[in-house]
Each structure stands twice: as structure tokens, then as C-alpha cells.
Amino acid sequence: MIKYFSRRSILGLIAILLISSACQERLDEMNMNPNAITEVPADYLFTTAIRGTFRQGLDLLQVDFAAQHAHLAVSYDFRREIDKYEENYVGDLPQSLFNSIYASSIKYCKDIEVLTDVDGKQENEIRHALGDVVTVMNYSKLTDLYGDVPYFQGGLGKEGEFLPEYDRQEDIYSDMIEKLGASLDILETADFSMAFPGADPMYDNNREGWLRFTNSLRLRLAMRARYADPGKYNPIIAECLAMDLIDLNVQNASLQHWDSDHGQLRNPWYRYYEERYISKIYNFNVSEMYVDFLSSTSDPRLEVMVDTNAYGDYVGMPNGLNEVEYSTFPRQDASILSLKVLAKDQYLYYMTASEVWFLRAEAALFDLGSGDPNELYQMGISQAMRQWGITQSEVDDFLTASDVGMLTGSDEEKFEQIGYQMWLAFVPNYCEAWFNMRRTGYPFIPQRTADGLSAGVTDGYMPRRIVYPLTTERSVNGENMQTAIDRMAEGDHIYSRVWWDAKE
């Protein structure tokens, strides 16, 4: 009897489960919204990726690390370990910066890549090509900050890559430049109605804009790598110079903002104006080196891009003050960037015409391209000043009267002049200013030896990179990170040089 009833009970239970399952499937169908989005469209991913490229981690990247290492500004009290060339940060700042790039734009770019690839759910060659360009925009920033990073397996957590290997920067650069070249080939003939109409906040789906920018970015990366591998990258530089580049400010790679109180619509730099003049918080200041150079060369950008203090003076703050000197320095009397730069509706810039003209001048100076280096240099200055509303007549007066308005001296002295003008032109894209200083050696930042300055862990020399994350990434993916650390001659320190940082 027991066996009989057990079998009958089991059969009954199976019947009940089958009926319940069928009913549940029917209920699921009835409760499913036919208009609901079950997969994120590539349009949304592309828009979000571009906005993140310009905005994500801006304070930590641009102000705390890059501006201070580039000697263009001084940041918050509790971020001054960076300015003092220290590595004992309050909090894991390298991890925060690492995450801000990977977890936002790179993740979205990888999603676009998977969706739009051949046999992807939203296969689309031109969207895939544009996604690759934005991917390079972010990975170039990431690898230039740290050196070797997860690249080929990076950003693919959805695809099961949870412990990506750290790739050599040399290999990363090679692939990035190859991606840009392949994207150029596709964009040249692609039907842009199949790209991102209505979803492109950088070039509004304009073919010419994307072509010029993609080639200009390829030029930037090839120039950055030219000291590390001239045999490979000098010919690529020549290729880029033979094609259309960003020539005018209307072609700049930029992100528009509006005069709005909404945090996502207005320029994120506006917060520094609010802190200074509304909250009376005296933290962010332009550097003494920046103010002094503009003033000593009678540069009209001083009055346009820097605000006066309460006494009507332009005063910069020295970088690298030790605690004793810092405690007595009157930060409230030091200048900040002007309201024009910090305005709610001001654009953010990723790459501009001035940078491209200066790269052209450098290439011509060292026989990597054609043209008169001085004319190209002056075009760079002109576009840099016009970008901020300085009139052409003021530009012409500066080029005629200033000691730095014309290239003079030896080739290396001319290169130094180009380096200084690029340093000025990047403001407030401090990240690229610091990268270019490391690449070129200009402006030269002397070793800190004065009693009032902090020498930090670098013995007073400008840092060459950011250390790897200290907590989460190190504990989770530490084995792969350690492989990258072992490849660095001086280990995981801010004085270790990345692969392309090879100029003697």
C-alpha cells in the first residue's frame, strides 16, 4: 500500500507542477508590456559614453591629479598629497579614478562593440566604428595615466571576463592606432543616416567632424609614441598629416552645456565658481607658474581666463608647498579661473584645433611633416586664443610684440616654445597638458629643492604616472596587476615612466 500511494502521490505532484508552470507562463505573457525595452539601444549607450568621456571623474582626474602635476593649479586641502608628490593618499584615489573610467564610458563602449559587431543583436558597421573611436578616447586616457592596463579583455564583465590581464602599453597603442585607421576607412564611405542621428552630442552625426577628429586623435597618439618607436610611428604621423585634420575651432571635439541649474546640463567646472563666490570656500586656485608666464609674456589670455582677486590683482598659488608654508599662504587672495571658463554654458574640450596646429609645427620642425614650423606655431597660438574669444587683432598684436610670438633659437629651443604654448592651450584640459609635458619635457619643471617645497617620494621631480589602485582591484585582480608591476623597472610608483615616456 505504501508503495502504491507513493507512486500515485508523485504522479499527482508532477501533474500539479505542469499545470502551475503552464499557468505561470500564460500569466507572464499577459503581464509583459509589449512596449517595454528589453535591451538598451546603442543610441543611448553612445550618448552616455560620450558624455562620460568628457565629464566622468572630472574633479579627481583634471583638478586633483593632472592640474597639480602639470603645475597649472592647486587643489583641495585633503588632495594636496598629490601636489606634494606623495603616494599616501587619503582614500584610494587611484581606485576611484580607475573605476570612473572603466565603469562608465569604457563599459558602454564595450556594450556598443558587442551589440553592433558582426552577428551582434544590433549589427551596424558604422556604429561599431564610431564606438571604437570613443573606446580609444577613453583607453588612451587610462593607459596614459597608469601605463599597462586591462585592454583586450577590459570592460567585458558582461561577457564573463572578470579577471582581465594587464596588457603592455606598447600593444595597447598599436591596437588603438589600428582601430582608428580602420574606423577612418569605414567612416569615409559609410551612410551616416545609419550612424547616430539625434544621439551624437559631440559632432551631431556629422561625417566631416568625425573624420577630422578621428585622424587628429590618431596623429596625437602617433606623436605621443614617436620617441618610443620612431620606426613604426613616424610613417603613421606622415599618413595623418596627409589627411584632413581639425583646422578650426568649429571642428573641435567638444561637449556643449547650457545655462542651467541642472547638474547634468551645466558645465561641471561651474562648481568652483560657486564654491569661491557663494560658499566662500577657498580651495581651487590657478598656479603661480601659470599666472607668471601669462603675465611675463603679455598674453591676453590672462585677463580672459583668470579672475582677479579681491584687490584686482592676478595672483597664482605656488605648487608643492610643505605644510608650514601652506599654513601661512592666504588662499583667499589667490586667483581662480575666470567665470568665462567656469560658466554654466561653457563647452568642455577633448581635442582642439590649437593642439593639432602645434603638433603640425613639431612635426615640421623635426622633418616628420611639411610646412613652415613658425607659421604652424603661430596658427596654433591664434586658434588657442580665438577659442576663448580673443579678437584676431589682439592675436596679431601678440604675435608681433611678444617675445614668444615667433619661434627662435635652436630646434630644441623652438620645441620648448611649442611645448609651453601647448601647455597653455590645453587649459582647463589639464590631463592632456600633463601627458604632453611628460612626452616632450616642456615646460620643464625643475627639481624641488627649496626649503618651503615638498620633495615627496620622487626626490622633488615631477611625477610620471599614477600608481595602480590600492584596494579593490589589487585584492580582486592582484595577480594580473602584479605581472604589470613586475614589468616596470622602478615598480609601481609615481616616478616610474610609461612606455612612450622615452624622450631623453
Protein backbone atom coordinates (compact mmCIF):
# COMPACT_ATOMS: atom_id res chain seq x y z
CA MET A 1 0.00 0.00 0.00
CA ILE A 2 2.70 2.42 0.89
CA LYS A 3 4.46 1.90 -2.43
CA TYR A 4 1.17 2.32 -4.34
CA PHE A 5 0.22 5.61 -2.65
CA SER A 6 3.75 6.99 -3.00
CA ARG A 7 3.72 6.45 -6.75
CA ARG A 8 0.23 7.97 -7.08
CA SER A 9 1.26 10.98 -4.99
CA ILE A 10 4.31 11.57 -7.13
CA LEU A 11 2.28 11.43 -10.34
CA GLY A 12 -0.22 13.87 -8.89
CA LEU A 13 2.51 16.27 -7.84
CA ILE A 14 4.02 16.21 -11.33
CA ALA A 15 0.62 16.99 -12.84
CA ILE A 16 0.12 19.92 -10.49
CA LEU A 17 3.60 21.32 -11.32
CA LEU A 18 2.96 21.06 -15.05
CA ILE A 19 -0.37 22.85 -14.74
CA SER A 20 1.16 25.52 -12.49
CA SER A 21 4.06 26.06 -14.89
CA ALA A 22 1.72 26.46 -17.85
CA CYS A 23 -0.41 28.93 -15.92
CA GLN A 24 2.65 30.93 -14.87
CA GLU A 25 3.89 31.15 -18.47
CA ARG A 26 0.46 32.39 -19.52
CA LEU A 27 0.43 34.95 -16.69
CA ASP A 28 3.93 36.12 -17.68
CA GLU A 29 2.74 36.68 -21.23
CA MET A 30 -0.34 38.56 -20.04
CA ASN A 31 1.73 40.79 -17.72
CA MET A 32 4.51 41.59 -20.21
CA ASN A 33 4.50 45.17 -21.55
CA PRO A 34 4.90 44.83 -25.34
CA ASN A 35 6.35 48.37 -25.43
CA ALA A 36 8.97 47.81 -22.74
CA ILE A 37 12.68 48.00 -23.67
CA THR A 38 14.32 44.62 -23.12
CA GLU A 39 17.71 45.68 -24.48
CA VAL A 40 19.47 49.03 -24.14
CA PRO A 41 19.63 50.69 -27.58
CA ALA A 42 23.07 51.53 -28.95
CA ASP A 43 21.94 55.18 -29.33
CA TYR A 44 21.57 55.55 -25.57
CA LEU A 45 24.88 53.79 -24.92
CA PHE A 46 26.70 56.06 -27.40
CA THR A 47 25.31 59.29 -25.94
CA THR A 48 26.10 58.17 -22.41
CA ALA A 49 29.60 57.03 -23.36
CA ILE A 50 30.49 60.39 -24.93
CA ARG A 51 29.11 62.43 -22.04
CA GLY A 52 31.01 60.25 -19.61
CA THR A 53 34.20 60.68 -21.62
CA PHE A 54 34.06 64.42 -21.01
CA ARG A 55 32.52 64.56 -17.54
CA GLN A 56 33.21 61.39 -15.56
CA GLY A 57 35.73 61.80 -12.75
CA LEU A 58 36.46 65.37 -13.80
CA ASP A 59 37.42 66.68 -10.34
CA LEU A 60 39.72 63.81 -9.47
CA LEU A 61 41.27 63.48 -12.93
CA GLN A 62 41.57 67.08 -14.06
CA VAL A 63 41.96 69.06 -10.83
CA ASP A 64 43.46 66.78 -8.22
CA PHE A 65 45.94 64.78 -10.28
CA ALA A 66 46.55 66.41 -13.67
CA ALA A 67 46.33 70.13 -12.82
CA GLN A 68 48.64 69.78 -9.85
CA HIS A 69 51.21 67.59 -11.59
CA ALA A 70 51.13 69.94 -14.61
CA HIS A 71 51.72 72.91 -12.28
CA LEU A 72 48.64 74.69 -13.59
CA ALA A 73 46.54 74.72 -10.41
CA VAL A 74 46.42 73.73 -6.75
CA SER A 75 43.55 71.60 -5.48
CA TYR A 76 41.79 70.90 -2.18
CA ASP A 77 43.49 70.70 1.20
CA PHE A 78 42.88 66.95 1.53
CA ARG A 79 44.11 66.27 -2.02
CA ARG A 80 47.41 68.07 -1.54
CA GLU A 81 49.29 64.79 -1.06
CA ILE A 82 49.18 64.71 -4.85
CA ASP A 83 50.66 68.20 -5.16
CA LYS A 84 53.32 67.24 -2.63
CA TYR A 85 54.41 64.27 -4.80
CA GLU A 86 53.24 61.76 -2.21
CA GLU A 87 51.60 58.35 -2.66
CA ASN A 88 49.93 58.07 0.76
CA TYR A 89 46.57 59.45 -0.36
CA VAL A 90 43.57 59.93 1.91
CA GLY A 91 41.37 57.21 0.41
CA ASP A 92 42.14 55.07 -2.61
CA LEU A 93 42.12 57.87 -5.20
CA PRO A 94 43.75 55.71 -7.91
CA GLN A 95 40.94 53.15 -7.48
CA SER A 96 38.26 55.87 -7.73
CA LEU A 97 39.79 57.21 -10.93
CA PHE A 98 40.30 53.72 -12.36
CA ASN A 99 36.64 52.87 -11.71
CA SER A 100 35.31 56.17 -13.04
CA ILE A 101 36.78 55.44 -16.48
CA TYR A 102 36.18 51.69 -16.66
CA ALA A 103 32.72 51.58 -15.11
CA SER A 104 31.26 54.35 -17.25
CA SER A 105 32.41 55.10 -20.77
CA ILE A 106 34.54 52.01 -21.40
CA LYS A 107 31.75 49.73 -20.23
CA TYR A 108 29.24 51.45 -22.52
CA CYS A 109 31.67 51.37 -25.44
CA LYS A 110 32.22 47.65 -24.97
CA ASP A 111 28.45 47.16 -24.93
CA ILE A 112 28.22 49.03 -28.25
CA GLU A 113 31.03 46.89 -29.65
CA VAL A 114 29.28 43.63 -28.75
CA LEU A 115 25.83 44.80 -29.90
CA THR A 116 26.92 46.22 -33.25
CA ASP A 117 29.60 43.69 -34.20
CA VAL A 118 29.12 41.16 -37.00
CA ASP A 119 26.37 38.77 -35.83
CA GLY A 120 25.60 41.13 -32.94
CA LYS A 121 21.99 41.80 -31.97
CA GLN A 122 22.18 45.30 -33.49
CA GLU A 123 24.82 44.70 -36.17
CA ASN A 124 25.87 48.02 -37.69
CA GLU A 125 29.32 48.69 -39.16
CA ILE A 126 29.33 52.48 -38.82
CA ARG A 127 28.07 52.41 -35.23
CA HIS A 128 30.74 49.87 -34.42
CA ALA A 129 33.40 52.12 -35.97
CA LEU A 130 32.25 55.20 -34.04
CA GLY A 131 32.10 53.13 -30.86
CA ASP A 132 35.72 52.12 -31.46
CA VAL A 133 36.74 55.78 -31.73
CA VAL A 134 35.11 56.61 -28.39
CA THR A 135 36.70 53.50 -26.89
CA VAL A 136 40.13 54.81 -27.93
CA MET A 137 39.31 58.23 -26.46
CA ASN A 138 38.90 56.58 -23.07
CA TYR A 139 41.56 53.89 -23.20
CA SER A 140 44.22 56.36 -24.32
CA LYS A 141 43.46 58.43 -21.24
CA LEU A 142 43.52 55.38 -18.98
CA THR A 143 46.79 53.91 -20.23
CA ASP A 144 48.49 57.32 -20.22
CA LEU A 145 47.58 57.67 -16.55
CA TYR A 146 48.71 54.23 -15.36
CA GLY A 147 50.75 52.53 -18.10
CA ASP A 148 49.86 48.87 -18.65
CA VAL A 149 46.13 48.30 -18.07
CA PRO A 150 43.47 45.68 -18.94
CA TYR A 151 42.65 46.44 -22.58
CA PHE A 152 41.91 43.45 -24.79
CA GLN A 153 39.89 41.79 -22.01
CA GLY A 154 38.96 45.01 -20.21
CA GLY A 155 35.36 46.19 -19.78
CA LEU A 156 33.94 42.77 -20.68
CA GLY A 157 32.44 41.74 -17.34
CA LYS A 158 29.12 41.02 -19.07
CA GLU A 159 30.96 38.60 -21.33
CA GLY A 160 32.49 36.77 -18.37
CA GLU A 161 35.92 38.46 -18.25
CA PHE A 162 36.14 39.18 -14.52
CA LEU A 163 39.92 39.00 -14.13
CA PRO A 164 41.33 40.68 -17.23
CA GLU A 165 45.03 40.59 -17.99
CA TYR A 166 47.08 43.79 -17.92
CA ASP A 167 48.30 44.47 -21.45
CA ARG A 168 51.54 46.20 -22.35
CA GLN A 169 51.08 49.85 -23.27
CA GLU A 170 53.10 49.24 -26.41
CA ASP A 171 50.49 46.71 -27.58
CA ILE A 172 47.61 48.94 -26.49
CA TYR A 173 48.92 51.84 -28.56
CA SER A 174 49.43 49.66 -31.58
CA ASP A 175 45.86 48.40 -31.43
CA MET A 176 44.34 51.82 -30.72
CA ILE A 177 46.01 53.36 -33.76
CA GLU A 178 44.98 50.36 -35.86
CA LYS A 179 41.37 50.79 -34.67
CA LEU A 180 41.38 54.46 -35.61
CA GLY A 181 42.76 53.66 -39.05
CA ALA A 182 40.09 51.01 -39.63
CA SER A 183 37.39 53.40 -38.41
CA LEU A 184 38.58 56.07 -40.84
CA ASP A 185 38.20 53.64 -43.73
CA ILE A 186 34.62 52.87 -42.72
CA LEU A 187 33.58 56.45 -41.93
CA GLU A 188 34.89 57.70 -45.27
CA THR A 189 32.15 55.96 -47.27
CA ALA A 190 29.53 55.00 -44.66
CA ASP A 191 25.91 56.15 -44.80
CA PHE A 192 25.72 58.42 -41.74
CA SER A 193 21.95 58.13 -41.65
CA MET A 194 22.74 54.71 -40.18
CA ALA A 195 25.05 56.16 -37.53
CA PHE A 196 23.71 58.06 -34.51
CA PRO A 197 21.33 60.80 -35.76
CA GLY A 198 19.91 62.65 -32.77
CA ALA A 199 22.18 60.78 -30.35
CA ASP A 200 25.64 62.27 -31.01
CA PRO A 201 26.44 65.07 -28.52
CA MET A 202 29.91 65.70 -29.94
CA TYR A 203 29.53 66.12 -33.72
CA ASP A 204 25.77 65.83 -34.23
CA ASN A 205 26.29 62.89 -36.58
CA ASN A 206 28.44 64.95 -38.96
CA ARG A 207 30.75 62.84 -41.14
CA GLU A 208 33.39 65.53 -41.70
CA GLY A 209 33.61 66.28 -38.00
CA TRP A 210 34.21 62.62 -37.12
CA LEU A 211 36.70 62.11 -39.93
CA ARG A 212 38.80 65.13 -38.95
CA PHE A 213 38.69 64.21 -35.27
CA THR A 214 39.50 60.53 -35.75
CA ASN A 215 42.53 61.40 -37.87
CA SER A 216 43.61 64.11 -35.40
CA LEU A 217 43.36 61.68 -32.49
CA ARG A 218 45.43 59.18 -34.47
CA LEU A 219 48.03 61.93 -35.00
CA ARG A 220 48.08 62.73 -31.26
CA LEU A 221 48.73 59.11 -30.34
CA ALA A 222 51.36 58.60 -33.03
CA MET A 223 53.19 61.75 -31.89
CA ARG A 224 52.99 60.54 -28.30
CA ALA A 225 54.60 57.24 -29.28
CA ARG A 226 57.23 58.64 -31.62
CA TYR A 227 60.11 58.62 -29.14
CA ALA A 228 59.40 55.04 -28.07
CA ASP A 229 59.24 53.58 -31.59
CA PRO A 230 60.07 56.11 -34.32
CA GLY A 231 60.41 53.45 -37.00
CA LYS A 232 56.78 52.44 -36.55
CA TYR A 233 55.10 55.73 -35.73
CA ASN A 234 56.90 58.31 -37.88
CA PRO A 235 55.30 56.90 -41.07
CA ILE A 236 51.89 56.97 -39.36
CA ILE A 237 52.46 60.62 -38.49
CA ALA A 238 53.10 61.30 -42.18
CA GLU A 239 49.87 59.45 -43.08
CA CYS A 240 47.84 61.56 -40.67
CA LEU A 241 49.36 64.82 -41.88
CA ALA A 242 48.38 63.96 -45.45
CA MET A 243 44.69 63.72 -44.49
CA ASP A 244 42.13 66.21 -43.18
CA LEU A 245 42.65 67.28 -39.56
CA ILE A 246 40.94 69.62 -37.12
CA ASP A 247 41.82 73.06 -38.54
CA LEU A 248 39.32 75.44 -36.93
CA ASN A 249 37.68 75.77 -33.55
CA VAL A 250 34.26 74.96 -35.02
CA GLN A 251 35.68 71.46 -35.62
CA ASN A 252 36.87 70.94 -32.04
CA ALA A 253 35.93 67.74 -30.23
CA SER A 254 33.75 69.30 -27.55
CA LEU A 255 30.67 68.83 -25.38
CA GLN A 256 28.10 71.61 -25.15
CA HIS A 257 26.50 72.78 -21.89
CA TRP A 258 23.66 75.14 -21.03
CA ASP A 259 22.90 77.94 -18.59
CA SER A 260 21.01 75.59 -16.31
CA ASP A 261 20.90 74.67 -12.64
CA HIS A 262 20.61 71.00 -13.58
CA GLY A 263 23.90 69.32 -12.77
CA GLN A 264 23.92 67.17 -15.91
CA LEU A 265 23.19 70.07 -18.26
CA ARG A 266 25.59 72.69 -16.98
CA ASN A 267 29.38 72.81 -17.14
CA PRO A 268 30.75 70.78 -14.18
CA TRP A 269 33.52 73.37 -13.71
CA TYR A 270 30.89 75.88 -12.53
CA ARG A 271 31.00 74.36 -9.05
CA TYR A 272 34.37 76.06 -8.46
CA TYR A 273 32.81 79.45 -9.10
CA GLU A 274 30.01 78.60 -6.65
CA GLU A 275 32.47 77.46 -4.00
CA ARG A 276 34.55 80.62 -4.24
CA TYR A 277 31.89 83.30 -4.52
CA ILE A 278 28.82 81.73 -2.95
CA SER A 279 30.12 79.30 -0.32
CA LYS A 280 33.37 81.20 0.35
CA ILE A 281 35.42 78.02 0.12
CA TYR A 282 38.99 78.77 -0.92
CA ASN A 283 40.41 75.59 -2.38
CA PHE A 284 40.97 75.50 -6.13
CA ASN A 285 43.46 78.14 -7.35
CA VAL A 286 45.40 78.70 -10.56
CA SER A 287 49.14 78.20 -10.19
CA GLU A 288 51.83 80.79 -9.76
CA MET A 289 53.67 79.31 -12.75
CA TYR A 290 50.62 79.74 -14.99
CA VAL A 291 49.89 83.32 -13.94
CA ASP A 292 53.54 84.38 -14.07
CA PHE A 293 54.09 83.00 -17.58
CA LEU A 294 50.96 84.67 -18.98
CA SER A 295 51.92 87.94 -17.30
CA SER A 296 55.59 87.89 -18.33
CA THR A 297 54.70 87.32 -21.99
CA SER A 298 51.86 89.90 -22.06
CA ASP A 299 49.46 87.13 -23.05
CA PRO A 300 45.86 88.41 -23.46
CA ARG A 301 44.57 85.10 -22.06
CA LEU A 302 45.49 86.28 -18.57
CA GLU A 303 42.60 88.76 -18.46
CA VAL A 304 40.20 86.42 -20.26
CA MET A 305 40.88 83.13 -18.50
CA VAL A 306 41.96 84.14 -14.99
CA ASP A 307 39.94 86.05 -12.40
CA THR A 308 41.44 88.82 -10.29
CA ASN A 309 41.43 88.58 -6.51
CA ALA A 310 39.59 90.99 -4.19
CA TYR A 311 42.33 93.58 -4.74
CA GLY A 312 42.14 93.45 -8.54
CA ASP A 313 45.39 91.51 -8.89
CA TYR A 314 46.26 88.29 -10.69
CA VAL A 315 47.91 86.06 -8.12
CA GLY A 316 48.83 82.42 -8.58
CA MET A 317 49.48 79.87 -5.85
CA PRO A 318 52.80 78.00 -5.76
CA ASN A 319 52.66 74.25 -6.30
CA GLY A 320 54.22 71.87 -3.81
CA LEU A 321 54.16 73.94 -0.62
CA ASN A 322 55.03 71.97 2.50
CA GLU A 323 52.70 72.10 5.49
CA VAL A 324 54.48 75.01 7.17
CA GLU A 325 54.40 77.24 4.09
CA TYR A 326 50.88 76.16 3.17
CA SER A 327 49.51 77.04 6.60
CA THR A 328 50.53 80.68 6.15
CA PHE A 329 49.57 81.10 2.48
CA PRO A 330 46.41 83.25 2.00
CA ARG A 331 44.43 81.12 -0.45
CA GLN A 332 41.59 83.62 -0.47
CA ASP A 333 43.93 86.11 -2.16
CA ALA A 334 44.95 83.72 -4.97
CA SER A 335 43.11 83.73 -8.29
CA ILE A 336 40.85 81.09 -9.82
CA LEU A 337 39.83 80.57 -13.43
CA SER A 338 37.54 83.26 -14.82
CA LEU A 339 33.77 82.99 -14.97
CA LYS A 340 34.14 82.71 -18.75
CA VAL A 341 35.95 79.39 -18.33
CA LEU A 342 33.75 78.23 -15.45
CA ALA A 343 30.43 79.45 -16.91
CA LYS A 344 27.44 77.13 -16.79
CA ASP A 345 27.13 77.10 -20.57
CA GLN A 346 30.84 76.68 -21.35
CA TYR A 347 31.95 73.77 -23.55
CA LEU A 348 34.30 71.03 -22.40
CA TYR A 349 37.07 70.19 -24.85
CA TYR A 350 38.69 66.85 -25.61
CA MET A 351 40.77 67.96 -28.61
CA THR A 352 41.11 71.35 -30.27
CA ALA A 353 42.48 72.98 -33.41
CA SER A 354 45.30 74.61 -31.44
CA GLU A 355 46.70 71.24 -30.32
CA VAL A 356 46.66 69.95 -33.90
CA TRP A 357 48.47 73.04 -35.24
CA PHE A 358 51.14 72.69 -32.55
CA LEU A 359 51.58 69.01 -33.40
CA ARG A 360 51.96 70.03 -37.04
CA ALA A 361 54.58 72.60 -36.04
CA GLU A 362 56.51 69.99 -34.07
CA ALA A 363 56.34 67.52 -36.95
CA ALA A 364 57.60 70.12 -39.40
CA LEU A 365 60.38 71.18 -37.04
CA PHE A 366 61.75 67.63 -36.90
CA ASP A 367 61.18 66.79 -40.57
CA LEU A 368 58.23 64.50 -39.89
CA GLY A 369 55.92 66.69 -41.95
CA SER A 370 55.94 69.64 -44.31
CA GLY A 371 55.34 73.35 -43.80
CA ASP A 372 56.97 76.26 -42.03
CA PRO A 373 57.19 75.42 -38.30
CA ASN A 374 56.83 79.09 -37.34
CA GLU A 375 53.68 79.61 -39.41
CA LEU A 376 52.15 76.43 -37.98
CA TYR A 377 53.15 77.52 -34.46
CA GLN A 378 51.52 80.91 -34.92
CA MET A 379 48.35 79.23 -36.24
CA GLY A 380 48.31 77.23 -33.02
CA ILE A 381 48.53 80.35 -30.89
CA SER A 382 45.85 82.05 -32.98
CA GLN A 383 43.38 79.19 -32.65
CA ALA A 384 44.13 78.82 -28.91
CA MET A 385 43.34 82.48 -28.27
CA ARG A 386 40.36 82.66 -30.62
CA GLN A 387 38.86 79.66 -28.81
CA TRP A 388 38.37 81.92 -25.78
CA GLY A 389 37.02 84.95 -27.65
CA ILE A 390 40.22 86.95 -28.11
CA THR A 391 39.97 89.00 -31.30
CA GLN A 392 42.22 88.43 -34.29
CA SER A 393 43.66 91.92 -33.97
CA GLU A 394 44.71 91.16 -30.37
CA VAL A 395 46.22 87.89 -31.57
CA ASP A 396 48.16 89.69 -34.29
CA ASP A 397 49.46 92.26 -31.79
CA PHE A 398 50.66 89.46 -29.52
CA LEU A 399 52.40 87.59 -32.34
CA THR A 400 54.16 90.78 -33.36
CA ALA A 401 55.14 92.19 -29.98
CA SER A 402 55.64 89.23 -27.64
CA ASP A 403 58.98 87.51 -27.18
CA VAL A 404 57.21 84.17 -27.66
CA GLY A 405 55.18 85.19 -30.72
CA MET A 406 57.75 83.68 -33.09
CA LEU A 407 59.95 80.58 -32.93
CA THR A 408 63.60 81.47 -32.32
CA GLY A 409 66.85 79.74 -31.40
CA SER A 410 67.91 76.13 -31.88
CA ASP A 411 65.45 73.40 -32.83
CA GLU A 412 65.27 72.28 -29.20
CA GLU A 413 64.60 75.87 -28.05
CA LYS A 414 61.84 76.13 -30.65
CA PHE A 415 60.44 72.83 -29.42
CA GLU A 416 60.40 74.27 -25.91
CA GLN A 417 58.38 77.24 -27.14
CA ILE A 418 55.87 74.89 -28.77
CA GLY A 419 55.67 72.90 -25.54
CA TYR A 420 54.90 75.98 -23.46
CA GLN A 421 52.16 77.11 -25.83
CA MET A 422 50.57 73.67 -25.85
CA TRP A 423 50.64 73.71 -22.03
CA LEU A 424 48.71 76.99 -22.07
CA ALA A 425 46.31 75.93 -24.81
CA PHE A 426 45.13 72.80 -23.00
CA VAL A 427 43.70 74.72 -20.01
CA PRO A 428 41.41 73.52 -18.48
CA ASN A 429 42.04 70.10 -20.06
CA TYR A 430 44.83 69.65 -17.55
CA CYS A 431 45.05 65.92 -18.20
CA GLU A 432 46.39 66.38 -21.73
CA ALA A 433 48.68 69.17 -20.55
CA TRP A 434 50.37 66.79 -18.10
CA PHE A 435 50.60 63.99 -20.66
CA ASN A 436 52.24 66.33 -23.16
CA MET A 437 54.71 67.63 -20.59
CA ARG A 438 55.79 64.07 -19.86
CA ARG A 439 56.13 63.35 -23.58
CA THR A 440 58.05 66.47 -24.58
CA GLY A 441 59.79 67.57 -21.39
CA TYR A 442 58.25 71.05 -21.72
CA PRO A 443 57.52 73.12 -19.79
CA PHE A 444 60.44 71.81 -17.76
CA ILE A 445 59.60 71.52 -14.06
CA PRO A 446 62.82 71.80 -12.05
CA GLN A 447 63.56 69.54 -9.11
CA ARG A 448 62.13 70.85 -5.87
CA THR A 449 64.97 71.69 -3.55
CA ALA A 450 63.75 74.83 -1.73
CA ASP A 451 63.05 74.53 1.99
CA GLY A 452 59.41 75.52 1.59
CA LEU A 453 58.60 72.84 -1.01
CA SER A 454 57.77 69.18 -0.59
CA ALA A 455 60.01 66.69 -2.44
CA GLY A 456 57.71 63.75 -1.78
CA VAL A 457 58.65 60.25 -2.93
CA THR A 458 60.12 61.48 -6.24
CA ASP A 459 63.02 63.41 -4.70
CA GLY A 460 61.36 66.56 -5.99
CA TYR A 461 60.85 65.55 -9.63
CA MET A 462 57.50 65.81 -11.45
CA PRO A 463 55.52 62.53 -11.29
CA ARG A 464 55.36 60.45 -14.47
CA ARG A 465 52.20 58.37 -13.82
CA ILE A 466 49.58 57.38 -11.23
CA VAL A 467 50.04 54.29 -9.08
CA TYR A 468 47.68 51.37 -9.55
CA PRO A 469 44.58 51.04 -7.34
CA LEU A 470 45.47 50.22 -3.76
CA THR A 471 42.41 48.28 -2.59
CA THR A 472 39.66 46.58 -4.60
CA GLU A 473 41.39 46.00 -7.94
CA ARG A 474 44.58 44.94 -6.16
CA SER A 475 42.76 42.40 -3.99
CA VAL A 476 40.50 41.03 -6.73
CA ASN A 477 42.82 41.09 -9.76
CA GLY A 478 46.13 41.42 -7.97
CA GLU A 479 47.90 38.58 -9.77
CA ASN A 480 47.41 40.21 -13.18
CA MET A 481 48.29 43.62 -11.75
CA GLN A 482 51.49 42.23 -10.26
CA THR A 483 52.54 40.99 -13.69
CA ALA A 484 52.31 44.56 -14.94
CA ILE A 485 54.19 45.87 -11.91
CA ASP A 486 56.98 43.36 -12.48
CA ARG A 487 57.42 44.76 -15.99
CA MET A 488 58.25 48.24 -14.60
CA ALA A 489 61.93 48.77 -13.86
CA GLU A 490 61.18 51.02 -10.87
CA GLY A 491 57.97 49.34 -9.74
CA ASP A 492 54.52 50.76 -9.03
CA HIS A 493 55.48 54.33 -8.19
CA ILE A 494 54.59 57.78 -9.48
CA TYR A 495 58.17 58.26 -10.70
CA SER A 496 58.10 55.18 -12.98
CA ARG A 497 57.85 56.00 -16.68
CA VAL A 498 55.26 54.54 -19.03
CA TRP A 499 56.34 53.00 -22.34
CA TRP A 500 56.01 56.12 -24.53
CA ASP A 501 57.72 58.41 -21.98
CA ALA A 502 61.08 57.85 -23.67
CA LYS A 503 62.48 61.28 -24.58
CA GLU A 504 65.97 61.72 -23.18
